[in-house]
Amino acid sequence: YPKCFIVGADNVGSKQMQTIRLSLRGKAVVLMGKNTMMRKAIRGHLENNPALEKLLPHIKGNVGFVFTKEDLTEVRDLLL
């Protein structure tokens, strides 16, 4: 995926997260989880896409990633 959002997930309930995932289905992929696991997953793809290394410093606190090939404005509107 060539485009990525870094999203804060504080005070987001499971029902709201489910609604967001459903609205993004087919347009984007949501990656959330333990920070160490997200770092490990991103490092596993660095060989294919070295630009992903820029994401590593941003994995702090309760954050997730939304990867997409679609228009960023359209995906952002679905997230908000």
PDB file of N, CA and C in Angstrom:
ATOM      1  N   TYR A   1       0.839  -1.189   0.000  1.00  0.00           N
ATOM      2  CA  TYR A   1       0.000   0.000   0.000  1.00  0.00           C
ATOM      3  C   TYR A   1       0.878   1.244   0.000  1.00  0.00           C
ATOM      4  N   PRO A   2       0.645   2.139  -0.917  1.00  0.00           N
ATOM      5  CA  PRO A   2       1.517   3.316  -1.040  1.00  0.00           C
ATOM      6  C   PRO A   2       1.204   4.452  -0.062  1.00  0.00           C
ATOM      7  N   LYS A   3       0.016   4.456   0.548  1.00  0.00           N
ATOM      8  CA  LYS A   3      -0.376   5.570   1.418  1.00  0.00           C
ATOM      9  C   LYS A   3      -0.755   5.041   2.794  1.00  0.00           C
ATOM     10  N   CYS A   4      -0.508   5.884   3.812  1.00  0.00           N
ATOM     11  CA  CYS A   4      -0.743   5.435   5.182  1.00  0.00           C
ATOM     12  C   CYS A   4      -1.192   6.589   6.069  1.00  0.00           C
ATOM     13  N   PHE A   5      -2.140   6.302   6.954  1.00  0.00           N
ATOM     14  CA  PHE A   5      -2.532   7.216   8.023  1.00  0.00           C
ATOM     15  C   PHE A   5      -2.033   6.642   9.337  1.00  0.00           C
ATOM     16  N   ILE A   6      -1.588   7.499  10.231  1.00  0.00           N
ATOM     17  CA  ILE A   6      -1.309   7.098  11.602  1.00  0.00           C
ATOM     18  C   ILE A   6      -2.465   7.647  12.426  1.00  0.00           C
ATOM     19  N   VAL A   7      -3.175   6.761  13.104  1.00  0.00           N
ATOM     20  CA  VAL A   7      -4.374   7.176  13.823  1.00  0.00           C
ATOM     21  C   VAL A   7      -4.237   6.913  15.315  1.00  0.00           C
ATOM     22  N   GLY A   8      -4.699   7.862  16.105  1.00  0.00           N
ATOM     23  CA  GLY A   8      -4.763   7.677  17.550  1.00  0.00           C
ATOM     24  C   GLY A   8      -6.021   6.900  17.891  1.00  0.00           C
ATOM     25  N   ALA A   9      -5.908   5.983  18.836  1.00  0.00           N
ATOM     26  CA  ALA A   9      -7.050   5.129  19.160  1.00  0.00           C
ATOM     27  C   ALA A   9      -7.489   5.279  20.614  1.00  0.00           C
ATOM     28  N   ASP A  10      -7.141   6.393  21.245  1.00  0.00           N
ATOM     29  CA  ASP A  10      -7.591   6.623  22.619  1.00  0.00           C
ATOM     30  C   ASP A  10      -9.092   6.888  22.624  1.00  0.00           C
ATOM     31  N   ASN A  11      -9.774   6.328  23.596  1.00  0.00           N
ATOM     32  CA  ASN A  11     -11.217   6.524  23.774  1.00  0.00           C
ATOM     33  C   ASN A  11     -12.044   6.076  22.574  1.00  0.00           C
ATOM     34  N   VAL A  12     -11.586   5.038  21.870  1.00  0.00           N
ATOM     35  CA  VAL A  12     -12.340   4.467  20.757  1.00  0.00           C
ATOM     36  C   VAL A  12     -12.831   3.096  21.212  1.00  0.00           C
ATOM     37  N   GLY A  13     -14.142   2.940  21.261  1.00  0.00           N
ATOM     38  CA  GLY A  13     -14.723   1.681  21.709  1.00  0.00           C
ATOM     39  C   GLY A  13     -14.692   0.620  20.628  1.00  0.00           C
ATOM     40  N   SER A  14     -14.940  -0.618  21.025  1.00  0.00           N
ATOM     41  CA  SER A  14     -14.892  -1.724  20.069  1.00  0.00           C
ATOM     42  C   SER A  14     -15.991  -1.601  19.014  1.00  0.00           C
ATOM     43  N   LYS A  15     -17.156  -1.105  19.397  1.00  0.00           N
ATOM     44  CA  LYS A  15     -18.251  -0.930  18.437  1.00  0.00           C
ATOM     45  C   LYS A  15     -17.884   0.125  17.389  1.00  0.00           C
ATOM     46  N   GLN A  16     -17.278   1.221  17.836  1.00  0.00           N
ATOM     47  CA  GLN A  16     -16.856   2.267  16.905  1.00  0.00           C
ATOM     48  C   GLN A  16     -15.755   1.740  15.987  1.00  0.00           C
ATOM     49  N   MET A  17     -14.821   0.952  16.534  1.00  0.00           N
ATOM     50  CA  MET A  17     -13.743   0.381  15.726  1.00  0.00           C
ATOM     51  C   MET A  17     -14.311  -0.576  14.679  1.00  0.00           C
ATOM     52  N   GLN A  18     -15.301  -1.373  15.066  1.00  0.00           N
ATOM     53  CA  GLN A  18     -15.930  -2.296  14.134  1.00  0.00           C
ATOM     54  C   GLN A  18     -16.608  -1.533  12.996  1.00  0.00           C
ATOM     55  N   THR A  19     -17.289  -0.444  13.318  1.00  0.00           N
ATOM     56  CA  THR A  19     -17.954   0.376  12.305  1.00  0.00           C
ATOM     57  C   THR A  19     -16.938   0.968  11.335  1.00  0.00           C
ATOM     58  N   ILE A  20     -15.810   1.433  11.867  1.00  0.00           N
ATOM     59  CA  ILE A  20     -14.757   2.001  11.020  1.00  0.00           C
ATOM     60  C   ILE A  20     -14.195   0.935  10.092  1.00  0.00           C
ATOM     61  N   ARG A  21     -13.904  -0.243  10.638  1.00  0.00           N
ATOM     62  CA  ARG A  21     -13.362  -1.330   9.812  1.00  0.00           C
ATOM     63  C   ARG A  21     -14.332  -1.713   8.696  1.00  0.00           C
ATOM     64  N   LEU A  22     -15.621  -1.781   9.018  1.00  0.00           N
ATOM     65  CA  LEU A  22     -16.622  -2.116   8.002  1.00  0.00           C
ATOM     66  C   LEU A  22     -16.680  -1.057   6.907  1.00  0.00           C
ATOM     67  N   SER A  23     -16.611   0.214   7.288  1.00  0.00           N
ATOM     68  CA  SER A  23     -16.692   1.288   6.293  1.00  0.00           C
ATOM     69  C   SER A  23     -15.453   1.323   5.398  1.00  0.00           C
ATOM     70  N   LEU A  24     -14.326   0.831   5.908  1.00  0.00           N
ATOM     71  CA  LEU A  24     -13.082   0.843   5.132  1.00  0.00           C
ATOM     72  C   LEU A  24     -12.872  -0.426   4.312  1.00  0.00           C
ATOM     73  N   ARG A  25     -13.712  -1.418   4.509  1.00  0.00           N
ATOM     74  CA  ARG A  25     -13.526  -2.698   3.836  1.00  0.00           C
ATOM     75  C   ARG A  25     -13.442  -2.515   2.319  1.00  0.00           C
ATOM     76  N   GLY A  26     -12.387  -3.064   1.728  1.00  0.00           N
ATOM     77  CA  GLY A  26     -12.174  -2.950   0.294  1.00  0.00           C
ATOM     78  C   GLY A  26     -11.434  -1.692  -0.119  1.00  0.00           C
ATOM     79  N   LYS A  27     -11.309  -0.727   0.789  1.00  0.00           N
ATOM     80  CA  LYS A  27     -10.633   0.528   0.474  1.00  0.00           C
ATOM     81  C   LYS A  27      -9.330   0.682   1.229  1.00  0.00           C
ATOM     82  N   ALA A  28      -9.250   0.080   2.421  1.00  0.00           N
ATOM     83  CA  ALA A  28      -8.075   0.270   3.269  1.00  0.00           C
ATOM     84  C   ALA A  28      -7.934  -0.913   4.222  1.00  0.00           C
ATOM     85  N   VAL A  29      -6.741  -1.024   4.792  1.00  0.00           N
ATOM     86  CA  VAL A  29      -6.446  -2.064   5.777  1.00  0.00           C
ATOM     87  C   VAL A  29      -6.047  -1.373   7.073  1.00  0.00           C
ATOM     88  N   VAL A  30      -6.659  -1.789   8.177  1.00  0.00           N
ATOM     89  CA  VAL A  30      -6.359  -1.214   9.486  1.00  0.00           C
ATOM     90  C   VAL A  30      -5.412  -2.157  10.221  1.00  0.00           C
ATOM     91  N   LEU A  31      -4.288  -1.616  10.705  1.00  0.00           N
ATOM     92  CA  LEU A  31      -3.328  -2.390  11.490  1.00  0.00           C
ATOM     93  C   LEU A  31      -3.283  -1.802  12.892  1.00  0.00           C
ATOM     94  N   MET A  32      -3.718  -2.602  13.852  1.00  0.00           N
ATOM     95  CA  MET A  32      -3.677  -2.181  15.253  1.00  0.00           C
ATOM     96  C   MET A  32      -3.173  -3.361  16.054  1.00  0.00           C
ATOM     97  N   GLY A  33      -2.543  -3.068  17.154  1.00  0.00           N
ATOM     98  CA  GLY A  33      -2.062  -4.144  18.011  1.00  0.00           C
ATOM     99  C   GLY A  33      -1.024  -3.619  18.979  1.00  0.00           C
ATOM    100  N   LYS A  34      -0.364  -4.543  19.635  1.00  0.00           N
ATOM    101  CA  LYS A  34       0.717  -4.170  20.539  1.00  0.00           C
ATOM    102  C   LYS A  34       1.805  -3.468  19.741  1.00  0.00           C
ATOM    103  N   ASN A  35       2.391  -2.436  20.319  1.00  0.00           N
ATOM    104  CA  ASN A  35       3.412  -1.662  19.608  1.00  0.00           C
ATOM    105  C   ASN A  35       4.582  -2.534  19.175  1.00  0.00           C
ATOM    106  N   THR A  36       5.007  -3.470  20.029  1.00  0.00           N
ATOM    107  CA  THR A  36       6.142  -4.325  19.659  1.00  0.00           C
ATOM    108  C   THR A  36       5.787  -5.212  18.472  1.00  0.00           C
ATOM    109  N   MET A  37       4.551  -5.697  18.415  1.00  0.00           N
ATOM    110  CA  MET A  37       4.139  -6.538  17.289  1.00  0.00           C
ATOM    111  C   MET A  37       4.020  -5.717  16.006  1.00  0.00           C
ATOM    112  N   MET A  38       3.547  -4.484  16.112  1.00  0.00           N
ATOM    113  CA  MET A  38       3.453  -3.637  14.919  1.00  0.00           C
ATOM    114  C   MET A  38       4.846  -3.316  14.392  1.00  0.00           C
ATOM    115  N   ARG A  39       5.788  -3.033  15.305  1.00  0.00           N
ATOM    116  CA  ARG A  39       7.168  -2.781  14.869  1.00  0.00           C
ATOM    117  C   ARG A  39       7.737  -4.007  14.167  1.00  0.00           C
ATOM    118  N   LYS A  40       7.487  -5.175  14.739  1.00  0.00           N
ATOM    119  CA  LYS A  40       8.001  -6.419  14.166  1.00  0.00           C
ATOM    120  C   LYS A  40       7.394  -6.659  12.778  1.00  0.00           C
ATOM    121  N   ALA A  41       6.100  -6.401  12.634  1.00  0.00           N
ATOM    122  CA  ALA A  41       5.426  -6.586  11.346  1.00  0.00           C
ATOM    123  C   ALA A  41       5.986  -5.632  10.300  1.00  0.00           C
ATOM    124  N   ILE A  42       6.207  -4.388  10.686  1.00  0.00           N
ATOM    125  CA  ILE A  42       6.748  -3.402   9.741  1.00  0.00           C
ATOM    126  C   ILE A  42       8.182  -3.753   9.374  1.00  0.00           C
ATOM    127  N   ARG A  43       8.985  -4.149  10.361  1.00  0.00           N
ATOM    128  CA  ARG A  43      10.376  -4.529  10.069  1.00  0.00           C
ATOM    129  C   ARG A  43      10.435  -5.721   9.123  1.00  0.00           C
ATOM    130  N   GLY A  44       9.457  -6.602   9.191  1.00  0.00           N
ATOM    131  CA  GLY A  44       9.407  -7.756   8.300  1.00  0.00           C
ATOM    132  C   GLY A  44       9.189  -7.370   6.847  1.00  0.00           C
ATOM    133  N   HIS A  45       8.667  -6.174   6.613  1.00  0.00           N
ATOM    134  CA  HIS A  45       8.400  -5.715   5.243  1.00  0.00           C
ATOM    135  C   HIS A  45       9.400  -4.665   4.762  1.00  0.00           C
ATOM    136  N   LEU A  46      10.389  -4.332   5.576  1.00  0.00           N
ATOM    137  CA  LEU A  46      11.358  -3.301   5.190  1.00  0.00           C
ATOM    138  C   LEU A  46      12.153  -3.684   3.950  1.00  0.00           C
ATOM    139  N   GLU A  47      12.411  -4.973   3.778  1.00  0.00           N
ATOM    140  CA  GLU A  47      13.185  -5.424   2.619  1.00  0.00           C
ATOM    141  C   GLU A  47      12.456  -5.077   1.321  1.00  0.00           C
ATOM    142  N   ASN A  48      11.141  -5.255   1.311  1.00  0.00           N
ATOM    143  CA  ASN A  48      10.340  -4.955   0.118  1.00  0.00           C
ATOM    144  C   ASN A  48      10.042  -3.469  -0.028  1.00  0.00           C
ATOM    145  N   ASN A  49       9.934  -2.765   1.110  1.00  0.00           N
ATOM    146  CA  ASN A  49       9.559  -1.355   1.081  1.00  0.00           C
ATOM    147  C   ASN A  49      10.331  -0.589   2.159  1.00  0.00           C
ATOM    148  N   PRO A  50      11.543  -0.108   1.848  1.00  0.00           N
ATOM    149  CA  PRO A  50      12.373   0.571   2.846  1.00  0.00           C
ATOM    150  C   PRO A  50      11.741   1.847   3.409  1.00  0.00           C
ATOM    151  N   ALA A  51      10.795   2.440   2.710  1.00  0.00           N
ATOM    152  CA  ALA A  51      10.154   3.672   3.186  1.00  0.00           C
ATOM    153  C   ALA A  51       9.343   3.438   4.459  1.00  0.00           C
ATOM    154  N   LEU A  52       8.989   2.190   4.739  1.00  0.00           N
ATOM    155  CA  LEU A  52       8.222   1.887   5.952  1.00  0.00           C
ATOM    156  C   LEU A  52       8.988   2.227   7.221  1.00  0.00           C
ATOM    157  N   GLU A  53      10.309   2.323   7.123  1.00  0.00           N
ATOM    158  CA  GLU A  53      11.118   2.626   8.304  1.00  0.00           C
ATOM    159  C   GLU A  53      10.737   3.979   8.909  1.00  0.00           C
ATOM    160  N   LYS A  54      10.221   4.878   8.096  1.00  0.00           N
ATOM    161  CA  LYS A  54       9.809   6.198   8.587  1.00  0.00           C
ATOM    162  C   LYS A  54       8.638   6.099   9.565  1.00  0.00           C
ATOM    163  N   LEU A  55       7.911   4.991   9.537  1.00  0.00           N
ATOM    164  CA  LEU A  55       6.762   4.823  10.431  1.00  0.00           C
ATOM    165  C   LEU A  55       7.175   4.413  11.842  1.00  0.00           C
ATOM    166  N   LEU A  56       8.315   3.758  11.976  1.00  0.00           N
ATOM    167  CA  LEU A  56       8.721   3.184  13.264  1.00  0.00           C
ATOM    168  C   LEU A  56       8.768   4.189  14.418  1.00  0.00           C
ATOM    169  N   PRO A  57       9.308   5.405  14.232  1.00  0.00           N
ATOM    170  CA  PRO A  57       9.346   6.336  15.369  1.00  0.00           C
ATOM    171  C   PRO A  57       7.964   6.803  15.838  1.00  0.00           C
ATOM    172  N   HIS A  58       6.949   6.613  15.010  1.00  0.00           N
ATOM    173  CA  HIS A  58       5.606   7.093  15.344  1.00  0.00           C
ATOM    174  C   HIS A  58       4.797   6.077  16.149  1.00  0.00           C
ATOM    175  N   ILE A  59       5.364   4.902  16.372  1.00  0.00           N
ATOM    176  CA  ILE A  59       4.641   3.876  17.126  1.00  0.00           C
ATOM    177  C   ILE A  59       4.874   4.118  18.610  1.00  0.00           C
ATOM    178  N   LYS A  60       4.091   5.021  19.158  1.00  0.00           N
ATOM    179  CA  LYS A  60       4.152   5.359  20.582  1.00  0.00           C
ATOM    180  C   LYS A  60       2.734   5.588  21.058  1.00  0.00           C
ATOM    181  N   GLY A  61       2.409   5.042  22.200  1.00  0.00           N
ATOM    182  CA  GLY A  61       1.065   5.218  22.734  1.00  0.00           C
ATOM    183  C   GLY A  61       0.069   4.316  22.026  1.00  0.00           C
ATOM    184  N   ASN A  62      -1.172   4.698  22.064  1.00  0.00           N
ATOM    185  CA  ASN A  62      -2.255   3.893  21.506  1.00  0.00           C
ATOM    186  C   ASN A  62      -2.530   4.342  20.070  1.00  0.00           C
ATOM    187  N   VAL A  63      -1.734   3.838  19.134  1.00  0.00           N
ATOM    188  CA  VAL A  63      -1.863   4.238  17.734  1.00  0.00           C
ATOM    189  C   VAL A  63      -2.081   3.015  16.853  1.00  0.00           C
ATOM    190  N   GLY A  64      -2.557   3.282  15.664  1.00  0.00           N
ATOM    191  CA  GLY A  64      -2.729   2.256  14.653  1.00  0.00           C
ATOM    192  C   GLY A  64      -2.410   2.850  13.296  1.00  0.00           C
ATOM    193  N   PHE A  65      -2.371   1.988  12.301  1.00  0.00           N
ATOM    194  CA  PHE A  65      -2.094   2.427  10.937  1.00  0.00           C
ATOM    195  C   PHE A  65      -3.258   2.051  10.038  1.00  0.00           C
ATOM    196  N   VAL A  66      -3.544   2.915   9.082  1.00  0.00           N
ATOM    197  CA  VAL A  66      -4.533   2.626   8.051  1.00  0.00           C
ATOM    198  C   VAL A  66      -3.805   2.749   6.722  1.00  0.00           C
ATOM    199  N   PHE A  67      -3.609   1.611   6.059  1.00  0.00           N
ATOM    200  CA  PHE A  67      -2.924   1.579   4.772  1.00  0.00           C
ATOM    201  C   PHE A  67      -3.964   1.559   3.663  1.00  0.00           C
ATOM    202  N   THR A  68      -3.712   2.341   2.598  1.00  0.00           N
ATOM    203  CA  THR A  68      -4.699   2.427   1.521  1.00  0.00           C
ATOM    204  C   THR A  68      -4.040   2.699   0.173  1.00  0.00           C
ATOM    205  N   LYS A  69      -4.784   2.383  -0.872  1.00  0.00           N
ATOM    206  CA  LYS A  69      -4.408   2.739  -2.242  1.00  0.00           C
ATOM    207  C   LYS A  69      -5.352   3.817  -2.775  1.00  0.00           C
ATOM    208  N   GLU A  70      -6.380   4.105  -2.009  1.00  0.00           N
ATOM    209  CA  GLU A  70      -7.424   5.048  -2.425  1.00  0.00           C
ATOM    210  C   GLU A  70      -7.004   6.497  -2.177  1.00  0.00           C
ATOM    211  N   ASP A  71      -7.906   7.408  -2.512  1.00  0.00           N
ATOM    212  CA  ASP A  71      -7.709   8.833  -2.270  1.00  0.00           C
ATOM    213  C   ASP A  71      -7.692   9.095  -0.762  1.00  0.00           C
ATOM    214  N   LEU A  72      -6.681   9.816  -0.284  1.00  0.00           N
ATOM    215  CA  LEU A  72      -6.523  10.054   1.152  1.00  0.00           C
ATOM    216  C   LEU A  72      -7.687  10.842   1.749  1.00  0.00           C
ATOM    217  N   THR A  73      -8.217  11.791   1.016  1.00  0.00           N
ATOM    218  CA  THR A  73      -9.331  12.599   1.522  1.00  0.00           C
ATOM    219  C   THR A  73     -10.563  11.732   1.752  1.00  0.00           C
ATOM    220  N   GLU A  74     -10.828  10.845   0.817  1.00  0.00           N
ATOM    221  CA  GLU A  74     -11.990   9.963   0.925  1.00  0.00           C
ATOM    222  C   GLU A  74     -11.862   9.032   2.138  1.00  0.00           C
ATOM    223  N   VAL A  75     -10.680   8.460   2.329  1.00  0.00           N
ATOM    224  CA  VAL A  75     -10.455   7.554   3.459  1.00  0.00           C
ATOM    225  C   VAL A  75     -10.499   8.326   4.775  1.00  0.00           C
ATOM    226  N   ARG A  76      -9.920   9.521   4.798  1.00  0.00           N
ATOM    227  CA  ARG A  76      -9.947  10.340   6.017  1.00  0.00           C
ATOM    228  C   ARG A  76     -11.380  10.646   6.436  1.00  0.00           C
ATOM    229  N   ASP A  77     -12.229  10.949   5.469  1.00  0.00           N
ATOM    230  CA  ASP A  77     -13.627  11.243   5.781  1.00  0.00           C
ATOM    231  C   ASP A  77     -14.330  10.034   6.392  1.00  0.00           C
ATOM    232  N   LEU A  78     -13.949   8.828   5.971  1.00  0.00           N
ATOM    233  CA  LEU A  78     -14.528   7.619   6.556  1.00  0.00           C
ATOM    234  C   LEU A  78     -14.031   7.398   7.981  1.00  0.00           C
ATOM    235  N   LEU A  79     -12.801   7.830   8.251  1.00  0.00           N
ATOM    236  CA  LEU A  79     -12.221   7.653   9.581  1.00  0.00           C
ATOM    237  C   LEU A  79     -12.814   8.618  10.600  1.00  0.00           C
ATOM    238  N   LEU A  80     -13.154   9.821  10.167  1.00  0.00           N
ATOM    239  CA  LEU A  80     -13.642  10.842  11.100  1.00  0.00           C
ATOM    240  C   LEU A  80     -15.085  10.700  11.403  1.00  0.00           C
TER     241      LEU A  80
END
